[in-house]
C-alpha cells in the first residue's frame, strides 16, 4: 500500500526524502493530494513495508512542518 509523508515545507520534504534514501527506502517526491489540506505541493511517497524506517527517519531530525502520514484509500488518500 502506498504511503505519503506530508509536510508544509518543500525544503523539509526534500530533506526527508533524501534521509529516507539514505536508509535504503525507495522514495519519490510527488504532488500532495488536495485531501491533505496543506499548501507545500510535494510529499514523500513510499510503500507501507518501509513505514517503520520512515518513522525512525522522522524522529531523527526536527521536521517542524510534518503534517502526518496518509495512506491510499480507494481513489484518494486519508490521514492515519
C-alpha atoms as a PDB file:
ATOM      1  CA  UNK A   1       0.000   0.000   0.000  1.00  0.00           C
ATOM      2  CA  UNK A   2       1.229   3.495  -0.819  1.00  0.00           C
ATOM      3  CA  UNK A   3       2.084   5.938   1.988  1.00  0.00           C
ATOM      4  CA  UNK A   4       2.661   9.683   1.750  1.00  0.00           C
ATOM      5  CA  UNK A   5       4.621  11.734   4.273  1.00  0.00           C
ATOM      6  CA  UNK A   6       3.035  15.183   4.094  1.00  0.00           C
ATOM      7  CA  UNK A   7       4.913  18.355   5.029  1.00  0.00           C
ATOM      8  CA  UNK A   8       4.066  22.065   4.939  1.00  0.00           C
ATOM      9  CA  UNK A   9       7.582  22.857   3.684  1.00  0.00           C
ATOM     10  CA  UNK A  10       9.044  21.866   0.324  1.00  0.00           C
ATOM     11  CA  UNK A  11      12.588  22.064   1.728  1.00  0.00           C
ATOM     12  CA  UNK A  12      11.745  19.691   4.583  1.00  0.00           C
ATOM     13  CA  UNK A  13      10.005  17.285   2.190  1.00  0.00           C
ATOM     14  CA  UNK A  14      13.126  17.128   0.045  1.00  0.00           C
ATOM     15  CA  UNK A  15      15.396  16.729   3.089  1.00  0.00           C
ATOM     16  CA  UNK A  16      13.184  13.925   4.428  1.00  0.00           C
ATOM     17  CA  UNK A  17      13.166  12.133   1.059  1.00  0.00           C
ATOM     18  CA  UNK A  18      16.978  12.313   0.998  1.00  0.00           C
ATOM     19  CA  UNK A  19      17.115  10.922   4.548  1.00  0.00           C
ATOM     20  CA  UNK A  20      14.852   8.036   3.536  1.00  0.00           C
ATOM     21  CA  UNK A  21      17.020   7.271   0.518  1.00  0.00           C
ATOM     22  CA  UNK A  22      19.992   7.191   2.871  1.00  0.00           C
ATOM     23  CA  UNK A  23      18.340   4.365   4.825  1.00  0.00           C
ATOM     24  CA  UNK A  24      17.609   2.384   1.666  1.00  0.00           C
ATOM     25  CA  UNK A  25      13.940   3.311   1.294  1.00  0.00           C
ATOM     26  CA  UNK A  26      12.851   3.735  -2.325  1.00  0.00           C
ATOM     27  CA  UNK A  27      11.073   7.098  -2.213  1.00  0.00           C
ATOM     28  CA  UNK A  28       9.674   9.571  -4.715  1.00  0.00           C
ATOM     29  CA  UNK A  29       8.534  13.144  -4.329  1.00  0.00           C
ATOM     30  CA  UNK A  30       5.019  13.590  -5.664  1.00  0.00           C
ATOM     31  CA  UNK A  31       2.280  16.204  -5.723  1.00  0.00           C
ATOM     32  CA  UNK A  32       0.467  16.463  -2.410  1.00  0.00           C
ATOM     33  CA  UNK A  33      -3.188  15.465  -2.822  1.00  0.00           C
ATOM     34  CA  UNK A  34      -5.844  18.054  -2.040  1.00  0.00           C
ATOM     35  CA  UNK A  35      -7.169  15.823   0.769  1.00  0.00           C
ATOM     36  CA  UNK A  36      -4.036  16.723   2.758  1.00  0.00           C
ATOM     37  CA  UNK A  37      -5.179  20.318   3.218  1.00  0.00           C
ATOM     38  CA  UNK A  38      -1.633  21.733   3.118  1.00  0.00           C
ATOM     39  CA  UNK A  39      -0.067  24.047   0.612  1.00  0.00           C
ATOM     40  CA  UNK A  40       3.540  22.968   0.030  1.00  0.00           C
ATOM     41  CA  UNK A  41       2.708  20.968  -3.066  1.00  0.00           C
ATOM     42  CA  UNK A  42       5.002  17.934  -2.681  1.00  0.00           C
ATOM     43  CA  UNK A  43       5.078  14.883  -0.421  1.00  0.00           C
ATOM     44  CA  UNK A  44       7.374  11.891   0.023  1.00  0.00           C
ATOM     45  CA  UNK A  45       5.853   8.685  -1.363  1.00  0.00           C
ATOM     46  CA  UNK A  46       6.951   5.188  -0.348  1.00  0.00           C
ATOM     47  CA  UNK A  47       5.486   1.744   0.223  1.00  0.00           C
ATOM     48  CA  UNK A  48       3.996   0.704   3.558  1.00  0.00           C
ATOM     49  CA  UNK A  49       6.609  -2.004   4.127  1.00  0.00           C
ATOM     50  CA  UNK A  50       9.072   0.844   4.828  1.00  0.00           C
ATOM     51  CA  UNK A  51       6.847   2.692   7.331  1.00  0.00           C
ATOM     52  CA  UNK A  52       8.936   1.785  10.406  1.00  0.00           C
ATOM     53  CA  UNK A  53      12.114   3.075   8.751  1.00  0.00           C
ATOM     54  CA  UNK A  54      10.221   6.190   7.701  1.00  0.00           C
ATOM     55  CA  UNK A  55       9.081   6.790  11.294  1.00  0.00           C
ATOM     56  CA  UNK A  56      12.641   6.383  12.568  1.00  0.00           C
ATOM     57  CA  UNK A  57      13.948   8.857   9.956  1.00  0.00           C
ATOM     58  CA  UNK A  58      11.242  11.301  11.019  1.00  0.00           C
ATOM     59  CA  UNK A  59      12.200  11.002  14.687  1.00  0.00           C
ATOM     60  CA  UNK A  60      15.904  11.504  13.934  1.00  0.00           C
ATOM     61  CA  UNK A  61      15.522  15.138  12.839  1.00  0.00           C
ATOM     62  CA  UNK A  62      13.358  18.110  13.785  1.00  0.00           C
ATOM     63  CA  UNK A  63      10.849  18.228  10.906  1.00  0.00           C
ATOM     64  CA  UNK A  64       8.653  21.013  12.252  1.00  0.00           C
ATOM     65  CA  UNK A  65       6.459  21.132   9.146  1.00  0.00           C
ATOM     66  CA  UNK A  66       5.445  17.450   9.179  1.00  0.00           C
ATOM     67  CA  UNK A  67       1.646  17.168   8.864  1.00  0.00           C
ATOM     68  CA  UNK A  68       1.264  13.406   9.052  1.00  0.00           C
ATOM     69  CA  UNK A  69       1.189  10.182   7.091  1.00  0.00           C
ATOM     70  CA  UNK A  70      -1.518   9.457   4.545  1.00  0.00           C
ATOM     71  CA  UNK A  71      -2.476   6.035   3.206  1.00  0.00           C
ATOM     72  CA  UNK A  72      -4.026   5.247  -0.161  1.00  0.00           C
ATOM     73  CA  UNK A  73      -7.736   4.843   0.449  1.00  0.00           C
ATOM     74  CA  UNK A  74      -9.863   3.889  -2.533  1.00  0.00           C
ATOM     75  CA  UNK A  75      -9.299   6.542  -5.164  1.00  0.00           C
ATOM     76  CA  UNK A  76      -7.768   9.054  -2.734  1.00  0.00           C
ATOM     77  CA  UNK A  77      -5.668   9.372   0.416  1.00  0.00           C
ATOM     78  CA  UNK A  78      -6.537   9.780   4.090  1.00  0.00           C
ATOM     79  CA  UNK A  79      -4.533  10.542   7.239  1.00  0.00           C
ATOM     80  CA  UNK A  80      -3.932   7.713   9.682  1.00  0.00           C
END
